[in-house]
């Protein structure tokens, strides 16, 4: 009888899914705003779906640098000392800080537009070392096409960005190249911290026909200041980040950052299961949503064409 019970127990054990080992995943972001928060939630949900459950076999640690690069470096050093199983830096500044702090702990970055330009990896297909991740390089040519569709008479694009963020500097070069192809001129206005965003937006009044904000964490964290200037001056404002549309941007064509987080989390799971991050190609985020805000457009003196409204994934009234 005992042998039968043992055999039954062994058979039952074999039929059960393997239990994920206890792991620690440490996540950091340069700042907290809806897009980066959504990415973090996506990472956690992907881990949960793979059997890593917070409070059971997963310790999920998060630290925000609150927009301060020095704090980002401090967090990176702290995480390196804590030796988690994987570190997930969200945003270019946080990724640069983490990659500079460890060559041993696996790093899976996300929400980084230009991993090569930011010197996080030397090769997208074979990153090598302890680093891989997900790029969210914006479809800039499509953004300009959308702006021209909404504003047929547009001639000059005002680029509002943090000149100290490598991500935004890389995107400026892309924007300038694509704008030239589209017959548009680009004027720049920089803010190196959130308190400067409103003033930088005001500096574009009279110099640009529209404001374009990239996936810049400094600017997006203080977006309301730029929106106030845009509404007051009837200067149409567009973003690359779809989560910013509900906060007052007219429109955005971009990624759903929760999905970006889930795609990143799937890479983290591969690393937790034993793959070497340096052997995993850096991926570019999949998916592109069009989100428009009719109320914001009206406040900035813009009427959204039916061609845009009819294909939008989401219309905010």
Protein backbone atom coordinates (compact mmCIF):
# COMPACT_ATOMS: atom_id res chain seq x y z
CA UNK A 1 0.00 0.00 0.00
CA UNK A 2 2.84 2.37 0.93
CA UNK A 3 4.58 1.75 -2.42
CA UNK A 4 1.34 2.53 -4.26
CA UNK A 5 0.99 5.82 -2.38
CA UNK A 6 4.60 6.75 -3.11
CA UNK A 7 4.13 6.00 -6.80
CA UNK A 8 0.93 8.07 -6.84
CA UNK A 9 2.68 10.98 -5.13
CA UNK A 10 5.58 10.83 -7.60
CA UNK A 11 3.17 10.75 -10.53
CA UNK A 12 1.26 13.73 -9.13
CA UNK A 13 4.49 15.69 -8.61
CA UNK A 14 5.52 15.08 -12.22
CA UNK A 15 2.14 16.33 -13.47
CA UNK A 16 2.34 19.61 -11.56
CA UNK A 17 3.99 22.66 -13.17
CA UNK A 18 7.51 23.38 -11.98
CA UNK A 19 7.61 25.94 -9.21
CA UNK A 20 9.57 29.08 -10.01
CA UNK A 21 12.55 29.61 -7.73
CA UNK A 22 12.60 32.51 -5.28
CA UNK A 23 14.05 35.54 -7.05
CA UNK A 24 14.61 39.27 -6.58
CA UNK A 25 14.01 41.72 -9.42
CA UNK A 26 15.11 45.30 -8.75
CA UNK A 27 13.51 48.03 -10.87
CA UNK A 28 14.46 51.69 -11.08
CA UNK A 29 13.26 54.67 -13.15
CA UNK A 30 14.64 58.18 -13.53
CA UNK A 31 11.23 59.61 -12.58
CA UNK A 32 7.64 58.53 -12.06
CA UNK A 33 5.08 59.42 -14.72
CA UNK A 34 2.21 57.43 -16.31
CA UNK A 35 4.20 55.86 -19.16
CA UNK A 36 7.08 54.65 -16.99
CA UNK A 37 4.66 53.51 -14.27
CA UNK A 38 2.73 51.51 -16.88
CA UNK A 39 5.96 49.90 -18.08
CA UNK A 40 6.80 48.85 -14.51
CA UNK A 41 3.33 47.33 -14.08
CA UNK A 42 3.78 45.43 -17.35
CA UNK A 43 7.09 43.95 -16.15
CA UNK A 44 5.48 42.78 -12.91
CA UNK A 45 2.48 41.27 -14.69
CA UNK A 46 4.73 39.37 -17.12
CA UNK A 47 6.64 37.94 -14.16
CA UNK A 48 3.39 36.98 -12.46
CA UNK A 49 2.15 35.23 -15.60
CA UNK A 50 5.39 33.22 -15.67
CA UNK A 51 4.87 32.00 -12.10
CA UNK A 52 6.89 34.61 -10.20
CA UNK A 53 4.41 36.01 -7.70
CA UNK A 54 5.19 38.98 -5.48
CA UNK A 55 5.10 38.06 -1.82
CA UNK A 56 5.45 34.35 -2.58
CA UNK A 57 8.54 33.58 -4.66
CA UNK A 58 9.28 37.08 -6.02
CA UNK A 59 10.72 40.12 -4.28
CA UNK A 60 9.97 43.09 -6.55
CA UNK A 61 11.89 46.21 -5.49
CA UNK A 62 11.36 49.65 -7.00
CA UNK A 63 13.24 52.93 -6.57
CA UNK A 64 12.65 56.24 -8.36
CA UNK A 65 15.46 58.76 -8.87
CA UNK A 66 12.90 61.59 -8.79
CA UNK A 67 14.48 63.15 -11.87
CA UNK A 68 17.95 63.42 -10.30
CA UNK A 69 20.87 61.75 -12.17
CA UNK A 70 22.97 61.69 -8.99
CA UNK A 71 20.19 59.80 -7.23
CA UNK A 72 19.96 57.42 -10.20
CA UNK A 73 23.66 56.64 -9.79
CA UNK A 74 23.20 56.11 -6.05
CA UNK A 75 20.30 53.70 -6.63
CA UNK A 76 22.34 51.82 -9.22
CA UNK A 77 25.22 51.37 -6.77
CA UNK A 78 22.79 50.24 -4.06
CA UNK A 79 21.22 47.65 -6.37
CA UNK A 80 24.66 46.40 -7.44
CA UNK A 81 25.54 45.88 -3.79
CA UNK A 82 22.25 44.11 -3.07
CA UNK A 83 22.93 41.62 -5.90
CA UNK A 84 19.37 40.91 -7.11
CA UNK A 85 18.82 38.26 -9.78
CA UNK A 86 18.02 40.91 -12.42
CA UNK A 87 18.03 44.71 -12.50
CA UNK A 88 15.47 46.43 -14.74
CA UNK A 89 16.27 50.12 -15.36
CA UNK A 90 13.42 52.05 -17.00
CA UNK A 91 14.58 55.04 -19.11
CA UNK A 92 17.94 55.94 -20.60
CA UNK A 93 19.46 57.80 -17.61
CA UNK A 94 18.63 54.95 -15.22
CA UNK A 95 19.94 52.36 -17.68
CA UNK A 96 23.22 54.24 -18.09
CA UNK A 97 23.63 54.45 -14.31
CA UNK A 98 22.93 50.73 -13.79
CA UNK A 99 25.13 49.51 -16.65
CA UNK A 100 27.98 51.63 -15.27
CA UNK A 101 27.55 50.05 -11.83
CA UNK A 102 27.73 46.32 -12.56
CA UNK A 103 29.27 43.94 -15.06
CA UNK A 104 28.04 40.81 -13.31
CA UNK A 105 24.35 41.20 -12.45
CA UNK A 106 22.00 40.68 -15.42
CA UNK A 107 20.51 43.98 -16.66
CA UNK A 108 17.36 44.18 -18.81
CA UNK A 109 16.67 47.82 -19.69
CA UNK A 110 13.45 49.23 -21.14
CA UNK A 111 12.06 52.52 -22.51
CA UNK A 112 15.46 53.36 -24.03
CA UNK A 113 15.21 54.89 -27.50
CA UNK A 114 18.81 54.49 -28.65
CA UNK A 115 20.74 51.77 -26.76
CA UNK A 116 23.73 52.15 -29.09
CA UNK A 117 23.88 55.93 -28.79
CA UNK A 118 23.51 55.66 -25.02
CA UNK A 119 26.46 53.20 -25.06
CA UNK A 120 24.48 50.52 -23.23
CA UNK A 121 25.39 47.87 -25.83
CA UNK A 122 27.78 47.70 -28.77
CA UNK A 123 25.60 45.48 -30.92
CA UNK A 124 21.81 45.17 -30.98
CA UNK A 125 21.79 41.57 -32.21
CA UNK A 126 24.59 40.33 -29.94
CA UNK A 127 24.82 42.76 -27.03
CA UNK A 128 27.34 40.64 -25.09
CA UNK A 129 28.22 40.99 -21.43
CA UNK A 130 25.43 41.20 -18.87
CA UNK A 131 23.06 43.59 -20.69
CA UNK A 132 20.06 43.36 -23.01
CA UNK A 133 16.66 45.00 -23.17
CA UNK A 134 13.96 46.71 -25.16
CA UNK A 135 14.18 49.86 -27.28
CA UNK A 136 11.24 52.22 -27.68
CA UNK A 137 12.64 54.19 -30.61
CA UNK A 138 9.81 56.44 -31.75
CA UNK A 139 8.43 56.31 -35.31
CA UNK A 140 9.40 59.96 -35.87
CA UNK A 141 8.55 60.05 -39.58
CA UNK A 142 5.03 58.86 -38.76
CA UNK A 143 4.75 61.52 -36.04
CA UNK A 144 5.58 64.27 -38.50
CA UNK A 145 3.13 62.86 -41.02
CA UNK A 146 0.42 62.92 -38.35
CA UNK A 147 1.21 66.53 -37.40
CA UNK A 148 1.08 67.57 -41.08
CA UNK A 149 -2.24 65.76 -41.53
CA UNK A 150 -3.73 67.65 -38.58
CA UNK A 151 -1.98 70.95 -39.41
CA UNK A 152 -1.57 71.10 -43.22
CA UNK A 153 0.03 74.58 -43.07
CA UNK A 154 2.69 73.66 -40.48
CA UNK A 155 6.20 74.83 -41.39
CA UNK A 156 8.19 74.82 -38.14
CA UNK A 157 8.27 72.21 -35.37
CA UNK A 158 9.32 73.28 -31.89
CA UNK A 159 11.26 70.50 -30.15
CA UNK A 160 10.94 70.67 -26.36
CA UNK A 161 13.47 68.41 -24.64
CA UNK A 162 16.10 67.87 -21.95
CA UNK A 163 19.46 68.45 -23.64
CA UNK A 164 21.11 66.35 -20.93
CA UNK A 165 19.11 63.19 -21.74
CA UNK A 166 20.90 61.03 -24.32
CA UNK A 167 17.57 59.59 -25.48
CA UNK A 168 16.27 63.04 -26.45
CA UNK A 169 19.51 64.12 -28.11
CA UNK A 170 19.41 61.00 -30.30
CA UNK A 171 15.77 61.68 -31.18
CA UNK A 172 16.62 65.28 -32.11
CA UNK A 173 19.03 64.01 -34.77
CA UNK A 174 16.34 61.67 -36.12
CA UNK A 175 13.76 64.48 -36.05
CA UNK A 176 16.03 66.87 -37.94
CA UNK A 177 16.68 64.29 -40.66
CA UNK A 178 13.01 63.37 -41.04
CA UNK A 179 11.87 67.01 -40.90
CA UNK A 180 14.18 67.88 -43.78
CA UNK A 181 12.61 65.11 -45.85
CA UNK A 182 9.15 66.42 -44.96
CA UNK A 183 10.02 70.03 -45.81
CA UNK A 184 9.84 71.17 -42.19
CA UNK A 185 12.16 73.25 -40.02
CA UNK A 186 13.02 72.33 -36.41
CA UNK A 187 13.66 74.84 -33.62
CA UNK A 188 14.82 73.65 -30.21
CA UNK A 189 14.07 74.67 -26.66
CA UNK A 190 15.72 72.83 -23.78
CA UNK A 191 14.83 72.31 -20.13
CA UNK A 192 17.29 70.39 -17.96
CA UNK A 193 14.89 70.00 -15.03
CA UNK A 194 11.14 69.90 -14.56
CA UNK A 195 10.98 73.41 -13.10
CA UNK A 196 12.26 74.80 -16.42
CA UNK A 197 9.69 73.10 -18.67
CA UNK A 198 7.08 75.86 -18.70
CA UNK A 199 9.67 78.52 -19.50
CA UNK A 200 11.17 76.39 -22.26
CA UNK A 201 7.72 75.92 -23.79
CA UNK A 202 7.09 79.66 -23.62
CA UNK A 203 10.35 80.23 -25.52
CA UNK A 204 8.80 78.47 -28.52
CA UNK A 205 5.85 80.85 -28.78
CA UNK A 206 6.20 82.88 -31.98
CA UNK A 207 9.04 80.65 -33.21
CA UNK A 208 7.15 77.44 -33.99
CA UNK A 209 3.84 76.38 -35.51
CA UNK A 210 3.57 73.35 -33.22
CA UNK A 211 5.36 71.83 -30.23
CA UNK A 212 6.62 68.26 -30.41
CA UNK A 213 7.65 66.51 -27.18
CA UNK A 214 9.61 63.26 -27.48
CA UNK A 215 9.67 60.43 -24.94
CA UNK A 216 11.64 62.73 -22.64
CA UNK A 217 11.16 61.93 -18.97
CA UNK A 218 12.00 65.42 -17.70
CA UNK A 219 9.51 67.14 -20.00
CA UNK A 220 6.77 64.55 -19.59
CA UNK A 221 7.04 64.66 -15.79
CA UNK A 222 6.11 68.38 -15.98
CA UNK A 223 3.88 68.19 -19.05
CA UNK A 224 1.09 70.28 -17.54
CA UNK A 225 3.34 73.36 -17.59
CA UNK A 226 3.91 73.00 -21.33
CA UNK A 227 0.22 72.32 -21.96
CA UNK A 228 -0.73 75.52 -20.11
CA UNK A 229 1.53 77.54 -22.43
CA UNK A 230 0.14 75.75 -25.50
CA UNK A 231 -3.46 76.46 -24.53
CA UNK A 232 -2.78 80.08 -23.64
CA UNK A 233 -0.86 80.71 -26.89
CA UNK A 234 -3.01 78.50 -29.16
CA UNK A 235 0.18 76.62 -30.03
CA UNK A 236 -0.71 72.99 -30.89
CA UNK A 237 1.21 70.50 -28.76
CA UNK A 238 1.92 66.89 -29.73
CA UNK A 239 3.73 64.12 -27.86
CA UNK A 240 5.42 60.85 -28.74
CA UNK A 241 4.00 59.30 -25.57
CA UNK A 242 0.37 58.15 -25.80
CA UNK A 243 -0.12 58.31 -22.02
CA UNK A 244 0.43 62.07 -22.24
CA UNK A 245 -2.61 62.65 -24.46
CA UNK A 246 -5.03 62.40 -21.54
CA UNK A 247 -2.91 65.06 -19.79
CA UNK A 248 -3.46 67.64 -22.53
CA UNK A 249 -1.54 66.73 -25.67
CA UNK A 250 -3.56 66.90 -28.92
CA UNK A 251 -2.39 63.53 -30.23
CA UNK A 252 0.29 60.87 -30.06
CA UNK A 253 1.21 57.88 -32.15
CA UNK A 254 3.25 55.52 -30.07
CA UNK A 255 3.58 52.51 -27.88
CA UNK A 256 1.30 51.34 -25.13
CA UNK A 257 3.87 51.36 -22.32
CA UNK A 258 2.12 48.67 -20.36
CA UNK A 259 2.70 46.42 -23.38
CA UNK A 260 6.31 47.64 -23.55
CA UNK A 261 6.68 46.54 -19.92
CA UNK A 262 5.16 43.14 -20.62
CA UNK A 263 7.52 42.60 -23.55
CA UNK A 264 10.42 43.56 -21.26
CA UNK A 265 9.17 41.26 -18.52
CA UNK A 266 9.21 38.35 -20.95
CA UNK A 267 12.92 38.98 -21.52
CA UNK A 268 13.48 39.11 -17.75
CA UNK A 269 11.80 35.70 -17.44
CA UNK A 270 14.19 34.27 -20.03
CA UNK A 271 17.13 35.54 -17.99
CA UNK A 272 15.68 34.17 -14.74
CA UNK A 273 15.36 30.79 -16.43
CA UNK A 274 19.05 30.74 -17.24
CA UNK A 275 19.65 32.53 -20.54
CA UNK A 276 22.66 34.84 -20.72
CA UNK A 277 21.43 38.42 -21.32
CA UNK A 278 24.40 39.09 -23.60
CA UNK A 279 23.11 36.36 -25.95
CA UNK A 280 19.60 37.85 -26.18
CA UNK A 281 19.18 40.40 -28.99
CA UNK A 282 17.96 43.85 -28.00
CA UNK A 283 14.38 44.08 -29.24
CA UNK A 284 12.39 47.07 -30.48
CA UNK A 285 8.98 47.44 -28.87
CA UNK A 286 6.04 46.18 -30.91
CA UNK A 287 2.70 47.90 -31.41
CA UNK A 288 1.65 51.46 -32.14
CA UNK A 289 -1.49 53.21 -30.90
CA UNK A 290 -3.03 56.47 -32.13
CA UNK A 291 -4.61 58.45 -29.29
CA UNK A 292 -6.24 61.87 -29.79
CA UNK A 293 -7.74 64.46 -27.46
CA UNK A 294 -10.59 66.52 -28.97
CA UNK A 295 -10.88 68.79 -25.94
CA UNK A 296 -7.16 69.60 -25.97
CA UNK A 297 -7.30 70.29 -29.71
CA UNK A 298 -10.19 72.71 -29.22
CA UNK A 299 -8.32 74.58 -26.46
CA UNK A 300 -5.37 75.03 -28.82
CA UNK A 301 -7.54 76.18 -31.73
CA UNK A 302 -7.32 72.96 -33.74
CA UNK A 303 -10.06 70.92 -35.40
CA UNK A 304 -9.13 67.27 -35.73
CA UNK A 305 -9.83 65.91 -39.25
CA UNK A 306 -12.18 62.96 -39.62
CA UNK A 307 -9.39 60.95 -41.26
CA UNK A 308 -7.53 61.04 -37.93
CA UNK A 309 -10.52 60.50 -35.67
CA UNK A 310 -11.76 57.53 -37.68
CA UNK A 311 -8.57 55.50 -37.25
CA UNK A 312 -7.71 56.49 -33.68
CA UNK A 313 -7.45 53.66 -31.17
CA UNK A 314 -8.74 56.03 -28.50
CA UNK A 315 -10.51 59.40 -28.70
CA UNK A 316 -10.61 61.53 -25.56
CA UNK A 317 -13.60 63.85 -25.65
